[in-house]
Amino acid sequence: RAVGGTAGYQAFTDLVARTSHHVMWVVSFSKFAWAFIDQRYQGRNLFSNEVHLKGWSEAEIAELIRGRMRAAGIEANFEEVVLDQWYDTEADEGLERTSDRFLRLLWDQSDGNPRIAIHFWKRSLIPDGPGKVRVRLFPVPDVSSLEELEEETRFVLASVVIHENLTLSETVKCLGYPANVCQAALAHLRGKRFLFQERGRYRVPTVVYRDVIRYLVRNNLIQN
């Protein structure tokens, strides 16, 4: 269950401390949220073991996709996939090689993140009768407007990523900006589809998560 990003961490650790004698807690954080928490609450880490998950390899992402398709009993047809803009392909290139290269693109697009890989795989499929789908090149989101963000909006976006999710009031508290500035920035980012709102909390959508992270790293707003 979500604990409201880092904003609810202190209350959460109090709960862990009260119940750890009879409850085993298994908790997950994004790397950016955990880095902030680890620095902010030094000496209050109640977890006895930390496991840092790395990005999956190309082979692991490919097997994830193929395994899901086998489990679902669905056959994927790659005949309509054209990769000329990425590879110097030949007209008679085998379908097996085409599927391998397509899954390599999927791995690159996701940076080895299995959730993002599955997301873009789903965006690549077109139903083609019972138990069959046609594969097309997944649509890549246009994120060029990231480069046009104003300074306050960039910091708001970085704050949401670092804390994993934030409300408007938490954003104000984190950055010390006036509420109207934060509200305008959140609304702008939501309008550009770099954020979505769920139960009052703002998050980065899966479809642009990798692009947002790369943008923030490139501009020294977060550390990868």
C-alpha atoms as a PDB file:
ATOM      1  CA  ARG A   1       0.000   0.000   0.000  1.00  0.00           C
ATOM      2  CA  ALA A   2       1.303   3.488  -0.837  1.00  0.00           C
ATOM      3  CA  VAL A   3       2.341   5.627   2.112  1.00  0.00           C
ATOM      4  CA  GLY A   4       2.159   8.957   0.314  1.00  0.00           C
ATOM      5  CA  GLY A   5       5.760   9.140  -0.863  1.00  0.00           C
ATOM      6  CA  THR A   6       8.344  10.505   1.542  1.00  0.00           C
ATOM      7  CA  ALA A   7       5.800  12.869   3.094  1.00  0.00           C
ATOM      8  CA  GLY A   8       4.286  10.002   5.096  1.00  0.00           C
ATOM      9  CA  TYR A   9       7.551   8.261   5.918  1.00  0.00           C
ATOM     10  CA  GLN A  10       7.839   9.387   9.528  1.00  0.00           C
ATOM     11  CA  ALA A  11       4.350   8.140  10.414  1.00  0.00           C
ATOM     12  CA  PHE A  12       5.095   4.946   8.514  1.00  0.00           C
ATOM     13  CA  THR A  13       8.324   4.261  10.440  1.00  0.00           C
ATOM     14  CA  ASP A  14       6.428   4.792  13.697  1.00  0.00           C
ATOM     15  CA  LEU A  15       3.985   2.107  12.577  1.00  0.00           C
ATOM     16  CA  VAL A  16       6.837  -0.239  11.633  1.00  0.00           C
ATOM     17  CA  ALA A  17       8.513   0.298  15.007  1.00  0.00           C
ATOM     18  CA  ARG A  18       5.294  -0.559  16.871  1.00  0.00           C
ATOM     19  CA  THR A  19       4.566  -3.724  14.883  1.00  0.00           C
ATOM     20  CA  SER A  20       7.940  -5.122  13.784  1.00  0.00           C
ATOM     21  CA  HIS A  21       8.046  -7.596  16.683  1.00  0.00           C
ATOM     22  CA  HIS A  22       5.193  -9.578  15.119  1.00  0.00           C
ATOM     23  CA  VAL A  23       4.994  -8.298  11.503  1.00  0.00           C
ATOM     24  CA  MET A  24       7.547  -8.737   8.721  1.00  0.00           C
ATOM     25  CA  TRP A  25       7.474  -5.651   6.517  1.00  0.00           C
ATOM     26  CA  VAL A  26       8.407  -5.812   2.832  1.00  0.00           C
ATOM     27  CA  VAL A  27       8.389  -2.316   1.350  1.00  0.00           C
ATOM     28  CA  SER A  28       9.378  -0.952  -2.053  1.00  0.00           C
ATOM     29  CA  PHE A  29      10.469   2.570  -3.013  1.00  0.00           C
ATOM     30  CA  SER A  30      11.669   4.103  -6.224  1.00  0.00           C
ATOM     31  CA  LYS A  31      15.432   4.688  -6.180  1.00  0.00           C
ATOM     32  CA  PHE A  32      14.937   8.464  -6.076  1.00  0.00           C
ATOM     33  CA  ALA A  33      12.486   8.379  -3.169  1.00  0.00           C
ATOM     34  CA  TRP A  34      14.699   5.990  -1.211  1.00  0.00           C
ATOM     35  CA  ALA A  35      17.828   8.108  -1.806  1.00  0.00           C
ATOM     36  CA  PHE A  36      15.991  11.126  -0.384  1.00  0.00           C
ATOM     37  CA  ILE A  37      14.607   9.167   2.577  1.00  0.00           C
ATOM     38  CA  ASP A  38      17.969   7.575   3.362  1.00  0.00           C
ATOM     39  CA  GLN A  39      19.614  10.989   3.471  1.00  0.00           C
ATOM     40  CA  ARG A  40      16.765  12.817   5.225  1.00  0.00           C
ATOM     41  CA  TYR A  41      16.180  10.233   7.963  1.00  0.00           C
ATOM     42  CA  GLN A  42      19.694   9.051   8.706  1.00  0.00           C
ATOM     43  CA  GLY A  43      19.734   6.846  11.784  1.00  0.00           C
ATOM     44  CA  ARG A  44      16.021   6.002  11.479  1.00  0.00           C
ATOM     45  CA  ASN A  45      16.290   3.180   8.942  1.00  0.00           C
ATOM     46  CA  LEU A  46      14.302   0.382  10.549  1.00  0.00           C
ATOM     47  CA  PHE A  47      14.812  -2.132   7.743  1.00  0.00           C
ATOM     48  CA  SER A  48      17.314  -4.911   8.365  1.00  0.00           C
ATOM     49  CA  ASN A  49      17.921  -5.738   4.706  1.00  0.00           C
ATOM     50  CA  GLU A  50      18.015  -3.629   1.550  1.00  0.00           C
ATOM     51  CA  VAL A  51      17.773  -5.097  -1.942  1.00  0.00           C
ATOM     52  CA  HIS A  52      18.558  -2.769  -4.845  1.00  0.00           C
ATOM     53  CA  LEU A  53      16.908  -3.944  -8.052  1.00  0.00           C
ATOM     54  CA  LYS A  54      18.817  -3.204 -11.248  1.00  0.00           C
ATOM     55  CA  GLY A  55      17.353  -2.855 -14.715  1.00  0.00           C
ATOM     56  CA  TRP A  56      16.658  -6.126 -16.469  1.00  0.00           C
ATOM     57  CA  SER A  57      18.932  -7.304 -19.269  1.00  0.00           C
ATOM     58  CA  GLU A  58      17.862  -7.450 -22.900  1.00  0.00           C
ATOM     59  CA  ALA A  59      17.487 -11.230 -22.658  1.00  0.00           C
ATOM     60  CA  GLU A  60      15.361 -10.977 -19.495  1.00  0.00           C
ATOM     61  CA  ILE A  61      13.006  -8.411 -21.038  1.00  0.00           C
ATOM     62  CA  ALA A  62      12.655 -10.586 -24.170  1.00  0.00           C
ATOM     63  CA  GLU A  63      11.862 -13.667 -22.087  1.00  0.00           C
ATOM     64  CA  LEU A  64       9.367 -11.673 -20.004  1.00  0.00           C
ATOM     65  CA  ILE A  65       7.438 -10.707 -23.151  1.00  0.00           C
ATOM     66  CA  ARG A  66       7.609 -14.151 -24.722  1.00  0.00           C
ATOM     67  CA  GLY A  67       6.704 -15.839 -21.444  1.00  0.00           C
ATOM     68  CA  ARG A  68       3.622 -13.647 -21.011  1.00  0.00           C
ATOM     69  CA  MET A  69       2.536 -14.422 -24.572  1.00  0.00           C
ATOM     70  CA  ARG A  70       2.980 -18.164 -24.041  1.00  0.00           C
ATOM     71  CA  ALA A  71       1.044 -18.032 -20.776  1.00  0.00           C
ATOM     72  CA  ALA A  72      -1.783 -16.146 -22.493  1.00  0.00           C
ATOM     73  CA  GLY A  73      -1.789 -18.539 -25.448  1.00  0.00           C
ATOM     74  CA  ILE A  74      -1.496 -15.661 -27.915  1.00  0.00           C
ATOM     75  CA  GLU A  75       0.576 -15.724 -31.108  1.00  0.00           C
ATOM     76  CA  ALA A  76       2.295 -12.512 -32.234  1.00  0.00           C
ATOM     77  CA  ASN A  77       2.713 -11.762 -35.939  1.00  0.00           C
ATOM     78  CA  PHE A  78       5.726  -9.516 -36.764  1.00  0.00           C
ATOM     79  CA  GLU A  79       5.168  -9.381 -40.538  1.00  0.00           C
ATOM     80  CA  GLU A  80       4.121  -5.708 -40.516  1.00  0.00           C
ATOM     81  CA  VAL A  81       6.991  -4.466 -38.361  1.00  0.00           C
ATOM     82  CA  VAL A  82       9.334  -2.133 -40.234  1.00  0.00           C
ATOM     83  CA  LEU A  83      12.592  -1.214 -38.507  1.00  0.00           C
ATOM     84  CA  ASP A  84      14.330   0.634 -41.323  1.00  0.00           C
ATOM     85  CA  GLN A  85      14.653   3.832 -39.289  1.00  0.00           C
ATOM     86  CA  TRP A  86      16.632   1.964 -36.604  1.00  0.00           C
ATOM     87  CA  TYR A  87      18.399  -0.751 -38.567  1.00  0.00           C
ATOM     88  CA  ASP A  88      19.767  -1.257 -42.057  1.00  0.00           C
ATOM     89  CA  THR A  89      17.312  -4.054 -42.712  1.00  0.00           C
ATOM     90  CA  GLU A  90      16.891  -6.162 -45.809  1.00  0.00           C
ATOM     91  CA  ALA A  91      13.550  -6.997 -47.381  1.00  0.00           C
ATOM     92  CA  ASP A  92      14.028 -10.719 -46.893  1.00  0.00           C
ATOM     93  CA  GLU A  93      15.070 -10.438 -43.263  1.00  0.00           C
ATOM     94  CA  GLY A  94      13.633 -13.359 -41.280  1.00  0.00           C
ATOM     95  CA  LEU A  95      10.715 -12.790 -38.921  1.00  0.00           C
ATOM     96  CA  GLU A  96      12.677 -14.289 -36.042  1.00  0.00           C
ATOM     97  CA  ARG A  97      15.423 -11.712 -36.494  1.00  0.00           C
ATOM     98  CA  THR A  98      12.800  -8.975 -36.792  1.00  0.00           C
ATOM     99  CA  SER A  99      11.193 -10.043 -33.508  1.00  0.00           C
ATOM    100  CA  ASP A 100      14.608 -10.119 -31.805  1.00  0.00           C
ATOM    101  CA  ARG A 101      15.374  -6.583 -32.959  1.00  0.00           C
ATOM    102  CA  PHE A 102      11.928  -5.364 -31.992  1.00  0.00           C
ATOM    103  CA  LEU A 103      12.350  -6.715 -28.465  1.00  0.00           C
ATOM    104  CA  ARG A 104      15.770  -5.060 -28.326  1.00  0.00           C
ATOM    105  CA  LEU A 105      14.093  -1.728 -29.121  1.00  0.00           C
ATOM    106  CA  LEU A 106      11.564  -2.433 -26.388  1.00  0.00           C
ATOM    107  CA  TRP A 107      14.385  -3.046 -23.915  1.00  0.00           C
ATOM    108  CA  ASP A 108      16.136   0.179 -24.951  1.00  0.00           C
ATOM    109  CA  GLN A 109      12.931   2.210 -24.694  1.00  0.00           C
ATOM    110  CA  SER A 110      12.264   0.866 -21.200  1.00  0.00           C
ATOM    111  CA  ASP A 111      15.852   1.081 -19.870  1.00  0.00           C
ATOM    112  CA  GLY A 112      15.341  -2.450 -18.582  1.00  0.00           C
ATOM    113  CA  ASN A 113      12.269  -1.540 -16.515  1.00  0.00           C
ATOM    114  CA  PRO A 114       9.848  -4.495 -16.864  1.00  0.00           C
ATOM    115  CA  ARG A 115       6.739  -2.409 -16.151  1.00  0.00           C
ATOM    116  CA  ILE A 116       7.608   0.076 -18.892  1.00  0.00           C
ATOM    117  CA  ALA A 117       8.526  -2.738 -21.299  1.00  0.00           C
ATOM    118  CA  ILE A 118       5.149  -4.422 -20.777  1.00  0.00           C
ATOM    119  CA  HIS A 119       3.409  -1.056 -21.209  1.00  0.00           C
ATOM    120  CA  PHE A 120       5.002  -0.382 -24.597  1.00  0.00           C
ATOM    121  CA  TRP A 121       4.502  -3.990 -25.680  1.00  0.00           C
ATOM    122  CA  LYS A 122       0.761  -3.608 -25.056  1.00  0.00           C
ATOM    123  CA  ARG A 123       0.784  -0.383 -27.100  1.00  0.00           C
ATOM    124  CA  SER A 124       2.327  -2.340 -29.978  1.00  0.00           C
ATOM    125  CA  LEU A 125      -0.402  -4.969 -30.339  1.00  0.00           C
ATOM    126  CA  ILE A 126      -3.445  -5.036 -32.619  1.00  0.00           C
ATOM    127  CA  PRO A 127      -6.039  -7.843 -32.192  1.00  0.00           C
ATOM    128  CA  ASP A 128      -6.086 -10.126 -35.227  1.00  0.00           C
ATOM    129  CA  GLY A 129      -8.607 -12.827 -34.464  1.00  0.00           C
ATOM    130  CA  PRO A 130      -8.855 -15.421 -31.693  1.00  0.00           C
ATOM    131  CA  GLY A 131      -5.479 -16.027 -30.046  1.00  0.00           C
ATOM    132  CA  LYS A 132      -3.589 -13.776 -32.478  1.00  0.00           C
ATOM    133  CA  VAL A 133      -2.207 -10.225 -32.547  1.00  0.00           C
ATOM    134  CA  ARG A 134      -0.325  -8.173 -35.104  1.00  0.00           C
ATOM    135  CA  VAL A 135       2.715  -6.266 -33.900  1.00  0.00           C
ATOM    136  CA  ARG A 136       3.356  -2.694 -34.987  1.00  0.00           C
ATOM    137  CA  LEU A 137       6.106  -0.308 -33.957  1.00  0.00           C
ATOM    138  CA  PHE A 138       4.999   1.202 -30.651  1.00  0.00           C
ATOM    139  CA  PRO A 139       4.196   4.928 -30.738  1.00  0.00           C
ATOM    140  CA  VAL A 140       6.859   6.991 -28.983  1.00  0.00           C
ATOM    141  CA  PRO A 141       5.514   9.929 -26.932  1.00  0.00           C
ATOM    142  CA  ASP A 142       6.464  13.439 -27.997  1.00  0.00           C
ATOM    143  CA  VAL A 143       8.317  14.918 -25.028  1.00  0.00           C
ATOM    144  CA  SER A 144       9.980  17.829 -26.823  1.00  0.00           C
ATOM    145  CA  SER A 145       8.037  20.346 -24.718  1.00  0.00           C
ATOM    146  CA  LEU A 146      10.063  19.249 -21.672  1.00  0.00           C
ATOM    147  CA  GLU A 147      12.808  21.517 -22.965  1.00  0.00           C
ATOM    148  CA  GLU A 148      10.446  24.506 -22.751  1.00  0.00           C
ATOM    149  CA  LEU A 149       9.569  24.140 -19.063  1.00  0.00           C
ATOM    150  CA  GLU A 150      10.159  27.131 -16.829  1.00  0.00           C
ATOM    151  CA  GLU A 151      12.474  26.846 -13.838  1.00  0.00           C
ATOM    152  CA  GLU A 152       9.741  26.510 -11.191  1.00  0.00           C
ATOM    153  CA  THR A 153       7.943  23.877 -13.249  1.00  0.00           C
ATOM    154  CA  ARG A 154      11.147  21.853 -13.672  1.00  0.00           C
ATOM    155  CA  PHE A 155      11.663  21.829  -9.901  1.00  0.00           C
ATOM    156  CA  VAL A 156       8.046  20.800  -9.323  1.00  0.00           C
ATOM    157  CA  LEU A 157       8.470  17.893 -11.735  1.00  0.00           C
ATOM    158  CA  ALA A 158      11.724  16.845 -10.069  1.00  0.00           C
ATOM    159  CA  SER A 159      10.080  17.025  -6.647  1.00  0.00           C
ATOM    160  CA  VAL A 160       7.267  14.697  -7.738  1.00  0.00           C
ATOM    161  CA  VAL A 161       9.824  12.192  -9.058  1.00  0.00           C
ATOM    162  CA  ILE A 162      12.011  12.370  -5.939  1.00  0.00           C
ATOM    163  CA  HIS A 163       9.038  11.890  -3.618  1.00  0.00           C
ATOM    164  CA  GLU A 164       7.364   9.388  -6.004  1.00  0.00           C
ATOM    165  CA  ASN A 165       4.004  11.163  -5.638  1.00  0.00           C
ATOM    166  CA  LEU A 166       2.819  14.418  -4.081  1.00  0.00           C
ATOM    167  CA  THR A 167      -0.309  16.404  -3.359  1.00  0.00           C
ATOM    168  CA  LEU A 168      -0.479  20.127  -4.024  1.00  0.00           C
ATOM    169  CA  SER A 169      -0.011  20.977  -0.338  1.00  0.00           C
ATOM    170  CA  GLU A 170       2.984  18.609  -0.071  1.00  0.00           C
ATOM    171  CA  THR A 171       4.546  20.204  -3.150  1.00  0.00           C
ATOM    172  CA  VAL A 172       4.222  23.626  -1.538  1.00  0.00           C
ATOM    173  CA  LYS A 173       5.826  22.309   1.657  1.00  0.00           C
ATOM    174  CA  CYS A 174       8.673  20.588  -0.208  1.00  0.00           C
ATOM    175  CA  LEU A 175       9.665  23.523  -2.392  1.00  0.00           C
ATOM    176  CA  GLY A 176       8.581  26.546  -0.376  1.00  0.00           C
ATOM    177  CA  TYR A 177       6.895  28.031  -3.440  1.00  0.00           C
ATOM    178  CA  PRO A 178       3.584  29.901  -3.170  1.00  0.00           C
ATOM    179  CA  ALA A 179       0.562  27.630  -3.579  1.00  0.00           C
ATOM    180  CA  ASN A 180      -0.537  29.359  -6.793  1.00  0.00           C
ATOM    181  CA  VAL A 181       2.885  28.759  -8.384  1.00  0.00           C
ATOM    182  CA  CYS A 182       2.818  25.060  -7.532  1.00  0.00           C
ATOM    183  CA  GLN A 183      -0.790  24.709  -8.635  1.00  0.00           C
ATOM    184  CA  ALA A 184      -0.035  26.347 -11.995  1.00  0.00           C
ATOM    185  CA  ALA A 185       3.046  24.164 -12.506  1.00  0.00           C
ATOM    186  CA  LEU A 186       1.179  20.950 -11.650  1.00  0.00           C
ATOM    187  CA  ALA A 187      -1.686  21.923 -13.945  1.00  0.00           C
ATOM    188  CA  HIS A 188       0.748  22.682 -16.775  1.00  0.00           C
ATOM    189  CA  LEU A 189       2.570  19.367 -16.340  1.00  0.00           C
ATOM    190  CA  ARG A 190      -0.734  17.517 -16.219  1.00  0.00           C
ATOM    191  CA  GLY A 191      -1.895  19.293 -19.367  1.00  0.00           C
ATOM    192  CA  LYS A 192       1.294  18.226 -21.143  1.00  0.00           C
ATOM    193  CA  ARG A 193       0.715  14.660 -19.836  1.00  0.00           C
ATOM    194  CA  PHE A 194       3.958  14.593 -17.903  1.00  0.00           C
ATOM    195  CA  LEU A 195       1.895  14.062 -14.729  1.00  0.00           C
ATOM    196  CA  PHE A 196      -1.449  12.515 -13.938  1.00  0.00           C
ATOM    197  CA  GLN A 197      -3.587  12.968 -10.841  1.00  0.00           C
ATOM    198  CA  GLU A 198      -5.082  10.130  -8.839  1.00  0.00           C
ATOM    199  CA  ARG A 199      -6.936  10.710  -5.562  1.00  0.00           C
ATOM    200  CA  GLY A 200      -5.315  14.104  -5.238  1.00  0.00           C
ATOM    201  CA  ARG A 201      -1.771  12.799  -5.739  1.00  0.00           C
ATOM    202  CA  TYR A 202       0.385  13.623  -8.774  1.00  0.00           C
ATOM    203  CA  ARG A 203       2.545  10.966 -10.431  1.00  0.00           C
ATOM    204  CA  VAL A 204       4.542  10.525 -13.632  1.00  0.00           C
ATOM    205  CA  PRO A 205       2.756   8.279 -16.178  1.00  0.00           C
ATOM    206  CA  THR A 206       4.493   5.069 -17.218  1.00  0.00           C
ATOM    207  CA  VAL A 207       4.514   6.074 -20.888  1.00  0.00           C
ATOM    208  CA  VAL A 208       6.805   9.094 -20.306  1.00  0.00           C
ATOM    209  CA  TYR A 209       8.584   7.978 -17.123  1.00  0.00           C
ATOM    210  CA  ARG A 210      11.869   7.057 -18.824  1.00  0.00           C
ATOM    211  CA  ASP A 211      11.909  10.314 -20.824  1.00  0.00           C
ATOM    212  CA  VAL A 212      11.178  12.432 -17.750  1.00  0.00           C
ATOM    213  CA  ILE A 213      13.959  10.727 -15.779  1.00  0.00           C
ATOM    214  CA  ARG A 214      16.479  11.257 -18.580  1.00  0.00           C
ATOM    215  CA  TYR A 215      15.469  14.908 -18.886  1.00  0.00           C
ATOM    216  CA  LEU A 216      15.850  15.550 -15.151  1.00  0.00           C
ATOM    217  CA  VAL A 217      19.212  13.748 -15.015  1.00  0.00           C
ATOM    218  CA  ARG A 218      20.470  15.675 -18.032  1.00  0.00           C
ATOM    219  CA  ASN A 219      19.547  18.953 -16.327  1.00  0.00           C
ATOM    220  CA  ASN A 220      21.156  17.925 -12.998  1.00  0.00           C
ATOM    221  CA  LEU A 221      17.822  17.989 -11.173  1.00  0.00           C
ATOM    222  CA  ILE A 222      18.145  14.393  -9.971  1.00  0.00           C
ATOM    223  CA  GLN A 223      20.984  11.884  -9.831  1.00  0.00           C
ATOM    224  CA  ASN A 224      20.560   8.602 -11.645  1.00  0.00           C
END
